[in-house]
Amino acid sequence: MKNYLGPGESVTRTVPSGGVVSGSGYKIGNLFCVATVTAAAGERAVFQTAGIVTLPKFPTENWAEGTLVWFQTSSGLSTSVSTTGLLIGSADGATVNPSVLGNVRLNGVALTAS
């Protein structure tokens, strides 16, 4: 197929204002992605958009397997509370409190909370 460009699990994007840190999540346009490298604003860098990643979360939350996970751009933390942020995927395994990290299966898109 001549028009196939790749699987899209990782994409190259222009680093937003403030730069990015490897392993941290970012909203670029309407896409949630995780930086694979640390880079300065304006550089081009690779970001992960799908797969299972470990992300920082609110430590007081307990997640069950499959819990929907949202990303709060203001705090940079993942959460199971859907009132703000972007739907980014689901919990890949349970977490207990006080845990500051959780495994998330990224859904490859960013859906804004209603």
Protein backbone atom coordinates (compact mmCIF):
# COMPACT_ATOMS: atom_id res chain seq x y z
CA MET A 1 0.00 0.00 0.00
CA LYS A 2 1.63 3.23 -1.17
CA ASN A 3 -0.10 5.54 1.30
CA TYR A 4 0.84 3.67 4.53
CA LEU A 5 3.11 5.84 6.67
CA GLY A 6 3.55 3.70 9.79
CA PRO A 7 1.74 2.29 12.83
CA GLY A 8 1.50 5.64 14.68
CA GLU A 9 2.46 4.29 18.13
CA SER A 10 5.07 7.00 18.19
CA VAL A 11 5.08 10.29 16.32
CA THR A 12 7.53 13.14 15.79
CA ARG A 13 6.18 16.51 16.90
CA THR A 14 7.47 20.01 17.60
CA VAL A 15 8.21 20.37 21.32
CA PRO A 16 5.80 22.84 22.97
CA SER A 17 6.68 25.95 24.97
CA GLY A 18 8.60 25.10 28.13
CA GLY A 19 10.19 21.99 26.63
CA VAL A 20 9.53 18.37 27.57
CA VAL A 21 10.98 15.82 29.95
CA SER A 22 11.40 12.19 28.96
CA GLY A 23 8.62 10.03 30.40
CA SER A 24 6.24 12.92 31.08
CA GLY A 25 2.86 13.37 29.42
CA TYR A 26 1.86 16.32 27.24
CA LYS A 27 -1.09 17.52 25.20
CA ILE A 28 0.10 18.57 21.76
CA GLY A 29 -2.80 19.87 19.73
CA ASN A 30 -5.55 17.40 20.57
CA LEU A 31 -3.18 14.48 21.05
CA PHE A 32 -1.95 13.16 24.40
CA CYS A 33 1.56 11.76 24.15
CA VAL A 34 4.53 10.86 26.32
CA ALA A 35 7.94 12.35 25.57
CA THR A 36 10.57 9.74 24.79
CA VAL A 37 13.42 12.24 25.24
CA THR A 38 14.07 15.50 27.08
CA ALA A 39 14.03 18.36 24.58
CA ALA A 40 13.79 22.14 24.39
CA ALA A 41 10.85 24.08 22.97
CA GLY A 42 10.83 24.24 19.18
CA GLU A 43 12.92 21.09 18.69
CA ARG A 44 11.47 18.05 16.97
CA ALA A 45 11.15 14.99 19.21
CA VAL A 46 9.53 11.55 19.29
CA PHE A 47 6.46 11.04 21.47
CA GLN A 48 4.71 7.78 22.41
CA THR A 49 0.95 7.80 21.65
CA ALA A 50 -0.02 4.18 22.27
CA GLY A 51 1.14 1.28 24.38
CA ILE A 52 1.52 0.87 28.15
CA VAL A 53 3.44 3.51 30.09
CA THR A 54 3.97 4.35 33.76
CA LEU A 55 2.72 7.83 34.61
CA PRO A 56 2.58 9.95 37.76
CA LYS A 57 -0.86 9.93 39.40
CA PHE A 58 -2.65 11.44 42.36
CA PRO A 59 -1.32 9.37 45.30
CA THR A 60 -4.68 9.13 47.10
CA GLU A 61 -6.44 7.35 44.22
CA ASN A 62 -6.97 3.61 43.97
CA TRP A 63 -7.28 2.30 40.42
CA ALA A 64 -8.79 -1.04 39.45
CA GLU A 65 -7.76 -2.80 36.24
CA GLY A 66 -9.47 -1.09 33.33
CA THR A 67 -10.34 2.11 35.20
CA LEU A 68 -10.56 5.02 32.77
CA VAL A 69 -7.61 7.36 33.22
CA TRP A 70 -7.60 11.08 32.57
CA PHE A 71 -4.69 13.53 32.36
CA GLN A 72 -4.85 16.92 34.06
CA THR A 73 -2.75 19.31 32.04
CA SER A 74 -2.61 21.80 34.93
CA SER A 75 -0.99 19.34 37.36
CA GLY A 76 0.67 16.92 34.94
CA LEU A 77 -0.89 14.03 36.87
CA SER A 78 -3.09 11.13 35.82
CA THR A 79 -6.41 10.67 37.56
CA SER A 80 -9.50 8.49 37.63
CA VAL A 81 -11.67 11.61 38.09
CA SER A 82 -13.31 12.48 34.78
CA THR A 83 -14.46 16.02 35.56
CA THR A 84 -11.36 17.71 34.17
CA GLY A 85 -8.63 16.83 31.75
CA LEU A 86 -8.21 14.47 28.86
CA LEU A 87 -9.26 10.85 28.61
CA ILE A 88 -5.97 9.14 27.76
CA GLY A 89 -6.59 5.43 28.34
CA SER A 90 -7.22 2.88 31.06
CA ALA A 91 -5.36 1.49 34.04
CA ASP A 92 -3.21 -1.50 33.19
CA GLY A 93 -3.40 -3.09 36.60
CA ALA A 94 -4.58 -2.02 40.01
CA THR A 95 -2.94 0.63 42.16
CA VAL A 96 -3.35 1.28 45.85
CA ASN A 97 -2.92 4.41 47.83
CA PRO A 98 -0.52 5.95 48.51
CA SER A 99 1.01 5.17 45.13
CA VAL A 100 2.42 7.98 43.02
CA LEU A 101 2.69 5.96 39.78
CA GLY A 102 0.24 3.95 37.73
CA ASN A 103 0.46 1.94 34.54
CA VAL A 104 -1.73 3.30 31.76
CA ARG A 105 -2.65 1.73 28.43
CA LEU A 106 -2.75 4.79 26.17
CA ASN A 107 -5.72 5.02 23.83
CA GLY A 108 -3.88 6.99 21.14
CA VAL A 109 -6.21 10.00 21.27
CA ALA A 110 -7.12 12.79 23.69
CA LEU A 111 -10.76 13.28 24.55
CA THR A 112 -11.65 16.39 26.53
CA ALA A 113 -13.84 15.98 29.60
CA SER A 114 -17.38 17.22 29.14
